[in-house]
C-alpha atoms as a PDB file:
ATOM      1  CA  MET A   1     -20.339   1.939  -2.273  1.00  0.00           C
ATOM      2  CA  SER A   2     -19.204   4.986  -0.501  1.00  0.00           C
ATOM      3  CA  HIS A   3     -18.547   6.771  -3.744  1.00  0.00           C
ATOM      4  CA  TYR A   4     -22.102   5.597  -4.735  1.00  0.00           C
ATOM      5  CA  LEU A   5     -23.389   7.017  -1.583  1.00  0.00           C
ATOM      6  CA  LEU A   6     -21.766  10.496  -2.092  1.00  0.00           C
ATOM      7  CA  ALA A   7     -23.197  10.761  -5.593  1.00  0.00           C
ATOM      8  CA  ARG A   8     -26.628   9.871  -4.384  1.00  0.00           C
ATOM      9  CA  ALA A   9     -26.081  12.305  -1.447  1.00  0.00           C
ATOM     10  CA  LEU A  10     -25.195  15.060  -3.966  1.00  0.00           C
ATOM     11  CA  ASP A  11     -28.094  14.202  -6.236  1.00  0.00           C
ATOM     12  CA  SER A  12     -30.411  14.784  -3.399  1.00  0.00           C
ATOM     13  CA  VAL A  13     -29.397  18.619  -3.372  1.00  0.00           C
ATOM     14  CA  ALA A  14     -28.850  19.136  -7.075  1.00  0.00           C
ATOM     15  CA  LEU A  15     -25.068  18.822  -6.862  1.00  0.00           C
ATOM     16  CA  THR A  16     -22.230  16.882  -8.633  1.00  0.00           C
ATOM     17  CA  GLU A  17     -18.662  16.021  -7.712  1.00  0.00           C
ATOM     18  CA  ALA A  18     -17.725  19.109  -9.982  1.00  0.00           C
ATOM     19  CA  ASP A  19     -19.170  21.262  -7.323  1.00  0.00           C
ATOM     20  CA  LEU A  20     -16.827  19.869  -4.649  1.00  0.00           C
ATOM     21  CA  ASN A  21     -13.165  21.003  -3.885  1.00  0.00           C
ATOM     22  CA  GLY A  22     -11.905  17.523  -4.844  1.00  0.00           C
ATOM     23  CA  VAL A  23     -12.753  14.028  -3.924  1.00  0.00           C
ATOM     24  CA  ILE A  24     -10.079  11.665  -2.621  1.00  0.00           C
ATOM     25  CA  ASN A  25     -10.389   7.872  -2.029  1.00  0.00           C
ATOM     26  CA  THR A  26      -8.766   7.133   1.339  1.00  0.00           C
ATOM     27  CA  SER A  27      -8.205   3.850   3.257  1.00  0.00           C
ATOM     28  CA  ASP A  28     -10.559   3.001   6.156  1.00  0.00           C
ATOM     29  CA  VAL A  29      -7.701   3.183   8.622  1.00  0.00           C
ATOM     30  CA  ASP A  30      -6.948   6.905   7.656  1.00  0.00           C
ATOM     31  CA  MET A  31     -10.649   8.146   7.821  1.00  0.00           C
ATOM     32  CA  THR A  32     -10.869   9.133  11.608  1.00  0.00           C
ATOM     33  CA  THR A  33      -7.590  10.796  11.552  1.00  0.00           C
ATOM     34  CA  ALA A  34      -8.193  12.600   8.314  1.00  0.00           C
ATOM     35  CA  TYR A  35     -11.540  13.898   9.580  1.00  0.00           C
ATOM     36  CA  VAL A  36     -10.028  16.189  12.385  1.00  0.00           C
ATOM     37  CA  THR A  37      -7.482  17.705   9.861  1.00  0.00           C
ATOM     38  CA  ASN A  38      -8.070  21.124   8.500  1.00  0.00           C
ATOM     39  CA  ASP A  39      -8.192  19.967   4.973  1.00  0.00           C
ATOM     40  CA  VAL A  40     -11.029  17.622   5.222  1.00  0.00           C
ATOM     41  CA  GLU A  41     -14.511  19.070   5.567  1.00  0.00           C
ATOM     42  CA  VAL A  42     -16.599  15.752   4.821  1.00  0.00           C
ATOM     43  CA  VAL A  43     -15.953  12.054   4.868  1.00  0.00           C
ATOM     44  CA  VAL A  44     -18.187   9.215   3.580  1.00  0.00           C
ATOM     45  CA  ILE A  45     -17.605   6.081   5.635  1.00  0.00           C
ATOM     46  CA  TRP A  46     -19.583   3.056   7.102  1.00  0.00           C
ATOM     47  CA  ASN A  47     -19.752   1.543  10.634  1.00  0.00           C
ATOM     48  CA  SER A  48     -18.096   0.988  12.961  1.00  0.00           C
ATOM     49  CA  LEU A  49     -15.830   4.126  11.900  1.00  0.00           C
ATOM     50  CA  VAL A  50     -18.927   6.238  11.642  1.00  0.00           C
ATOM     51  CA  SER A  51     -19.596   5.781  15.334  1.00  0.00           C
ATOM     52  CA  ALA A  52     -16.151   7.045  16.271  1.00  0.00           C
ATOM     53  CA  ILE A  53     -16.343  10.096  13.689  1.00  0.00           C
ATOM     54  CA  VAL A  54     -19.831  11.274  14.908  1.00  0.00           C
ATOM     55  CA  GLU A  55     -18.337  11.422  18.575  1.00  0.00           C
ATOM     56  CA  GLU A  56     -16.387  14.505  17.259  1.00  0.00           C
ATOM     57  CA  PRO A  57     -18.009  17.601  18.486  1.00  0.00           C
ATOM     58  CA  SER A  58     -17.751  19.174  15.074  1.00  0.00           C
ATOM     59  CA  ALA A  59     -19.386  16.274  13.358  1.00  0.00           C
ATOM     60  CA  ASN A  60     -22.831  16.416  11.903  1.00  0.00           C
ATOM     61  CA  LYS A  61     -24.487  13.514   9.887  1.00  0.00           C
ATOM     62  CA  LEU A  62     -25.637  14.938   6.336  1.00  0.00           C
ATOM     63  CA  PHE A  63     -26.926  11.802   4.644  1.00  0.00           C
ATOM     64  CA  ASP A  64     -26.820   7.930   5.135  1.00  0.00           C
ATOM     65  CA  SER A  65     -27.971   4.911   3.521  1.00  0.00           C
ATOM     66  CA  ALA A  66     -31.355   5.060   5.192  1.00  0.00           C
ATOM     67  CA  ASP A  67     -32.051   8.026   2.781  1.00  0.00           C
ATOM     68  CA  ILE A  68     -31.797   5.750  -0.200  1.00  0.00           C
ATOM     69  CA  PRO A  69     -33.525   2.454   1.095  1.00  0.00           C
ATOM     70  CA  GLY A  70     -32.965  -0.554  -0.805  1.00  0.00           C
ATOM     71  CA  GLU A  71     -30.100   0.562  -2.641  1.00  0.00           C
ATOM     72  CA  ILE A  72     -27.119  -0.165  -0.636  1.00  0.00           C
ATOM     73  CA  ILE A  73     -27.412  -4.085  -0.355  1.00  0.00           C
ATOM     74  CA  ASP A  74     -25.543  -6.811   1.531  1.00  0.00           C
ATOM     75  CA  LEU A  75     -25.440  -9.887  -0.525  1.00  0.00           C
ATOM     76  CA  MET A  76     -24.297 -13.462  -0.463  1.00  0.00           C
ATOM     77  CA  VAL A  77     -22.640 -14.018  -3.715  1.00  0.00           C
ATOM     78  CA  VAL A  78     -21.737 -17.506  -5.335  1.00  0.00           C
ATOM     79  CA  ASN A  79     -20.193 -18.336  -8.680  1.00  0.00           C
ATOM     80  CA  THR A  80     -22.865 -19.322 -10.999  1.00  0.00           C
ATOM     81  CA  ASN A  81     -21.277 -22.604 -12.334  1.00  0.00           C
ATOM     82  CA  MET A  82     -20.121 -23.523  -8.848  1.00  0.00           C
ATOM     83  CA  LEU A  83     -23.646 -23.401  -7.622  1.00  0.00           C
ATOM     84  CA  ALA A  84     -25.091 -25.280 -10.791  1.00  0.00           C
ATOM     85  CA  ALA A  85     -22.649 -28.109 -10.073  1.00  0.00           C
ATOM     86  CA  ASN A  86     -23.015 -27.952  -6.251  1.00  0.00           C
ATOM     87  CA  PRO A  87     -26.515 -27.182  -5.395  1.00  0.00           C
ATOM     88  CA  ASP A  88     -25.962 -28.682  -1.862  1.00  0.00           C
ATOM     89  CA  PHE A  89     -23.362 -25.948  -1.286  1.00  0.00           C
ATOM     90  CA  GLY A  90     -26.198 -23.354  -2.165  1.00  0.00           C
ATOM     91  CA  LYS A  91     -28.533 -25.062   0.449  1.00  0.00           C
ATOM     92  CA  ALA A  92     -25.822 -25.242   3.140  1.00  0.00           C
ATOM     93  CA  LEU A  93     -24.943 -21.472   2.848  1.00  0.00           C
ATOM     94  CA  ALA A  94     -28.487 -20.307   2.808  1.00  0.00           C
ATOM     95  CA  SER A  95     -29.232 -22.449   5.755  1.00  0.00           C
ATOM     96  CA  ALA A  96     -26.125 -21.246   7.830  1.00  0.00           C
ATOM     97  CA  LEU A  97     -27.003 -17.626   6.771  1.00  0.00           C
ATOM     98  CA  TYR A  98     -30.510 -17.575   7.983  1.00  0.00           C
ATOM     99  CA  GLU A  99     -29.753 -19.581  11.123  1.00  0.00           C
ATOM    100  CA  VAL A 100     -27.477 -16.903  12.307  1.00  0.00           C
ATOM    101  CA  ILE A 101     -29.801 -14.136  11.270  1.00  0.00           C
ATOM    102  CA  GLY A 102     -32.493 -15.812  13.249  1.00  0.00           C
ATOM    103  CA  LEU A 103     -30.376 -15.785  16.310  1.00  0.00           C
ATOM    104  CA  MET A 104     -29.521 -12.229  15.690  1.00  0.00           C
ATOM    105  CA  ALA A 105     -33.182 -11.369  15.670  1.00  0.00           C
ATOM    106  CA  ALA A 106     -33.770 -13.241  18.951  1.00  0.00           C
ATOM    107  CA  GLY A 107     -30.947 -11.180  20.585  1.00  0.00           C
ATOM    108  CA  ASP A 108     -28.592 -14.252  21.105  1.00  0.00           C
ATOM    109  CA  GLU A 109     -25.731 -12.842  23.249  1.00  0.00           C
ATOM    110  CA  GLU A 110     -23.086 -15.316  22.027  1.00  0.00           C
ATOM    111  CA  VAL A 111     -23.750 -14.655  18.368  1.00  0.00           C
ATOM    112  CA  LEU A 112     -23.996 -10.908  18.789  1.00  0.00           C
ATOM    113  CA  THR A 113     -20.716 -10.770  20.784  1.00  0.00           C
ATOM    114  CA  ALA A 114     -19.220 -12.845  17.816  1.00  0.00           C
ATOM    115  CA  MET A 115     -20.429 -10.371  15.284  1.00  0.00           C
ATOM    116  CA  THR A 116     -19.333  -7.661  17.444  1.00  0.00           C
ATOM    117  CA  GLU A 117     -15.806  -8.827  17.673  1.00  0.00           C
ATOM    118  CA  ALA A 118     -15.673  -9.205  13.863  1.00  0.00           C
ATOM    119  CA  SER A 119     -16.969  -5.542  13.544  1.00  0.00           C
ATOM    120  CA  GLY A 120     -14.320  -3.984  15.613  1.00  0.00           C
ATOM    121  CA  THR A 121     -16.644  -2.365  18.127  1.00  0.00           C
ATOM    122  CA  ASP A 122     -18.337  -3.243  21.380  1.00  0.00           C
ATOM    123  CA  LEU A 123     -21.639  -4.953  22.113  1.00  0.00           C
ATOM    124  CA  ALA A 124     -23.647  -1.851  22.639  1.00  0.00           C
ATOM    125  CA  GLY A 125     -22.004  -0.146  19.424  1.00  0.00           C
ATOM    126  CA  TYR A 126     -22.830  -3.259  17.494  1.00  0.00           C
ATOM    127  CA  LYS A 127     -26.463  -3.363  18.699  1.00  0.00           C
ATOM    128  CA  ALA A 128     -26.740   0.504  17.793  1.00  0.00           C
ATOM    129  CA  GLN A 129     -25.771  -0.548  14.180  1.00  0.00           C
ATOM    130  CA  LEU A 130     -28.240  -3.218  13.951  1.00  0.00           C
ATOM    131  CA  ALA A 131     -30.954  -0.793  15.218  1.00  0.00           C
ATOM    132  CA  SER A 132     -30.099   1.575  12.250  1.00  0.00           C
ATOM    133  CA  THR A 133     -29.750  -1.209   9.594  1.00  0.00           C
ATOM    134  CA  GLU A 134     -32.795  -2.594   7.830  1.00  0.00           C
ATOM    135  CA  ILE A 135     -32.283  -6.261   8.084  1.00  0.00           C
ATOM    136  CA  LEU A 136     -34.746  -8.520   6.330  1.00  0.00           C
ATOM    137  CA  TYR A 137     -35.190 -11.038   9.207  1.00  0.00           C
ATOM    138  CA  ASP A 138     -38.479 -12.507   7.786  1.00  0.00           C
ATOM    139  CA  LEU A 139     -37.623 -14.635   4.713  1.00  0.00           C
ATOM    140  CA  THR A 140     -40.794 -13.746   3.277  1.00  0.00           C
ATOM    141  CA  ASP A 141     -39.612 -10.023   3.062  1.00  0.00           C
ATOM    142  CA  ALA A 142     -36.221 -11.193   1.735  1.00  0.00           C
ATOM    143  CA  VAL A 143     -37.857 -13.009  -1.107  1.00  0.00           C
ATOM    144  CA  ALA A 144     -40.217 -10.206  -1.876  1.00  0.00           C
ATOM    145  CA  PHE A 145     -37.429  -7.621  -1.913  1.00  0.00           C
ATOM    146  CA  THR A 146     -35.320  -9.695  -4.262  1.00  0.00           C
ATOM    147  CA  GLN A 147     -38.413 -10.101  -6.523  1.00  0.00           C
ATOM    148  CA  GLY A 148     -39.704  -6.687  -6.286  1.00  0.00           C
ATOM    149  CA  VAL A 149     -39.748  -4.149  -9.026  1.00  0.00           C
ATOM    150  CA  ASP A 150     -37.498  -1.625  -7.306  1.00  0.00           C
ATOM    151  CA  LEU A 151     -34.350  -3.964  -7.551  1.00  0.00           C
ATOM    152  CA  PRO A 152     -33.790  -3.756 -11.298  1.00  0.00           C
ATOM    153  CA  ILE A 153     -34.182  -0.026 -11.189  1.00  0.00           C
ATOM    154  CA  THR A 154     -31.530   0.244  -8.575  1.00  0.00           C
ATOM    155  CA  MET A 155     -29.022  -1.981 -10.337  1.00  0.00           C
ATOM    156  CA  THR A 156     -29.561  -0.064 -13.537  1.00  0.00           C
ATOM    157  CA  ASN A 157     -28.863   3.282 -11.715  1.00  0.00           C
ATOM    158  CA  ILE A 158     -25.746   1.493 -10.104  1.00  0.00           C
ATOM    159  CA  ALA A 159     -24.522   0.407 -13.447  1.00  0.00           C
ATOM    160  CA  GLU A 160     -24.856   4.031 -14.858  1.00  0.00           C
ATOM    161  CA  PHE A 161     -22.870   5.059 -11.913  1.00  0.00           C
ATOM    162  CA  LEU A 162     -20.072   2.626 -12.361  1.00  0.00           C
ATOM    163  CA  PHE A 163     -19.737   3.390 -16.083  1.00  0.00           C
ATOM    164  CA  ASP A 164     -19.576   6.991 -15.332  1.00  0.00           C
ATOM    165  CA  LYS A 165     -16.833   6.559 -13.094  1.00  0.00           C
ATOM    166  CA  GLY A 166     -14.771   4.322 -15.276  1.00  0.00           C
ATOM    167  CA  ILE A 167     -15.076   1.278 -12.908  1.00  0.00           C
ATOM    168  CA  PRO A 168     -15.762  -1.539 -15.500  1.00  0.00           C
ATOM    169  CA  GLY A 169     -12.799  -0.683 -17.449  1.00  0.00           C
ATOM    170  CA  GLU A 170     -12.048   0.063 -20.944  1.00  0.00           C
ATOM    171  CA  GLU A 171     -13.644  -2.808 -22.344  1.00  0.00           C
ATOM    172  CA  ALA A 172     -17.136  -1.552 -21.285  1.00  0.00           C
ATOM    173  CA  SER A 173     -18.479   0.508 -24.085  1.00  0.00           C
ATOM    174  CA  SER A 174     -21.664   1.647 -22.184  1.00  0.00           C
ATOM    175  CA  ALA A 175     -23.468   1.275 -18.715  1.00  0.00           C
ATOM    176  CA  ASP A 176     -25.421  -1.686 -20.135  1.00  0.00           C
ATOM    177  CA  PHE A 177     -22.037  -3.722 -20.537  1.00  0.00           C
ATOM    178  CA  VAL A 178     -22.793  -6.211 -17.642  1.00  0.00           C
ATOM    179  CA  GLY A 179     -26.209  -8.004 -17.834  1.00  0.00           C
ATOM    180  CA  VAL A 180     -28.196  -8.583 -14.541  1.00  0.00           C
ATOM    181  CA  GLU A 181     -30.717 -11.384 -14.130  1.00  0.00           C
ATOM    182  CA  TYR A 182     -33.730 -11.496 -11.820  1.00  0.00           C
ATOM    183  CA  PRO A 183     -35.842 -14.173 -10.320  1.00  0.00           C
ATOM    184  CA  ASN A 184     -38.492 -13.804 -12.859  1.00  0.00           C
ATOM    185  CA  GLY A 185     -35.964 -14.165 -15.702  1.00  0.00           C
ATOM    186  CA  THR A 186     -35.987 -10.600 -16.792  1.00  0.00           C
ATOM    187  CA  ILE A 187     -32.533  -9.071 -17.413  1.00  0.00           C
ATOM    188  CA  THR A 188     -31.528  -5.466 -17.415  1.00  0.00           C
ATOM    189  CA  CYS A 189     -28.557  -4.199 -19.355  1.00  0.00           C
ATOM    190  CA  ASP A 190     -26.750  -6.610 -22.067  1.00  0.00           C
ATOM    191  CA  ALA A 191     -28.787  -9.995 -22.281  1.00  0.00           C
ATOM    192  CA  ASN A 192     -25.811 -11.428 -24.107  1.00  0.00           C
ATOM    193  CA  ASN A 193     -23.514 -10.746 -21.239  1.00  0.00           C
ATOM    194  CA  VAL A 194     -25.483 -11.843 -18.268  1.00  0.00           C
ATOM    195  CA  THR A 195     -22.671 -12.267 -15.244  1.00  0.00           C
ATOM    196  CA  PHE A 196     -24.872 -11.469 -12.264  1.00  0.00           C
ATOM    197  CA  ARG A 197     -27.908 -13.114 -11.172  1.00  0.00           C
ATOM    198  CA  PHE A 198     -30.319 -12.638  -8.249  1.00  0.00           C
ATOM    199  CA  ASP A 199     -31.670 -16.041  -7.295  1.00  0.00           C
ATOM    200  CA  THR A 200     -34.551 -16.617  -4.678  1.00  0.00           C
ATOM    201  CA  THR A 201     -34.354 -20.466  -5.016  1.00  0.00           C
ATOM    202  CA  PHE A 202     -32.354 -21.247  -1.781  1.00  0.00           C
ATOM    203  CA  MET A 203     -33.841 -18.554   0.449  1.00  0.00           C
ATOM    204  CA  GLN A 204     -37.317 -19.775  -0.596  1.00  0.00           C
ATOM    205  CA  MET A 205     -36.272 -23.216   0.301  1.00  0.00           C
ATOM    206  CA  VAL A 206     -35.383 -22.114   3.820  1.00  0.00           C
ATOM    207  CA  ALA A 207     -38.583 -20.194   4.112  1.00  0.00           C
ATOM    208  CA  ASP A 208     -40.460 -23.443   3.055  1.00  0.00           C
ATOM    209  CA  ASP A 209     -38.336 -25.415   5.517  1.00  0.00           C
ATOM    210  CA  ALA A 210     -37.592 -27.585   2.461  1.00  0.00           C
ATOM    211  CA  LEU A 211     -33.823 -28.201   3.139  1.00  0.00           C
END
């Protein structure tokens, strides 16, 4: 996703990676150290490391995921066959997820503190991250986003990016290699190789209080 964010940032100013003096994939642990060296001019990273880097006097934020809303998506992903065989598992996961999200929306200090510890920052830093993140606290919004017309466009663009970078591997003959299915049954890319599916069934059940 960092590489994708970089590509989209370059797109926004009509540049490509060829216009840069090299791109290096670096571990998270080394990012903050790398940034303060003379050899590194730009880093692409996520919170909470962003918070540490922007504290540097020389740091300027050029681009972030808010500039491409709806493209960097956090997902809960479950194996399709497992979900079909164990629908109660999907119900339990969706119920637990939105229970926690609801507590976060309400500002529950115990939940926020636990999330803070998992994120490796302090409570103030975590709240600052939440403030800059579009979280679909309302299940109606979450369902609408997943059923929206923009999601297939985003996934097609991501597929093209992945193929361009060789990420799917040698067996992928085109950007259409992996088929993606959406809640209304439409499919982008290869309809004969659907291996990723967006499903609103369980979040809708939570929204309808039907679990």
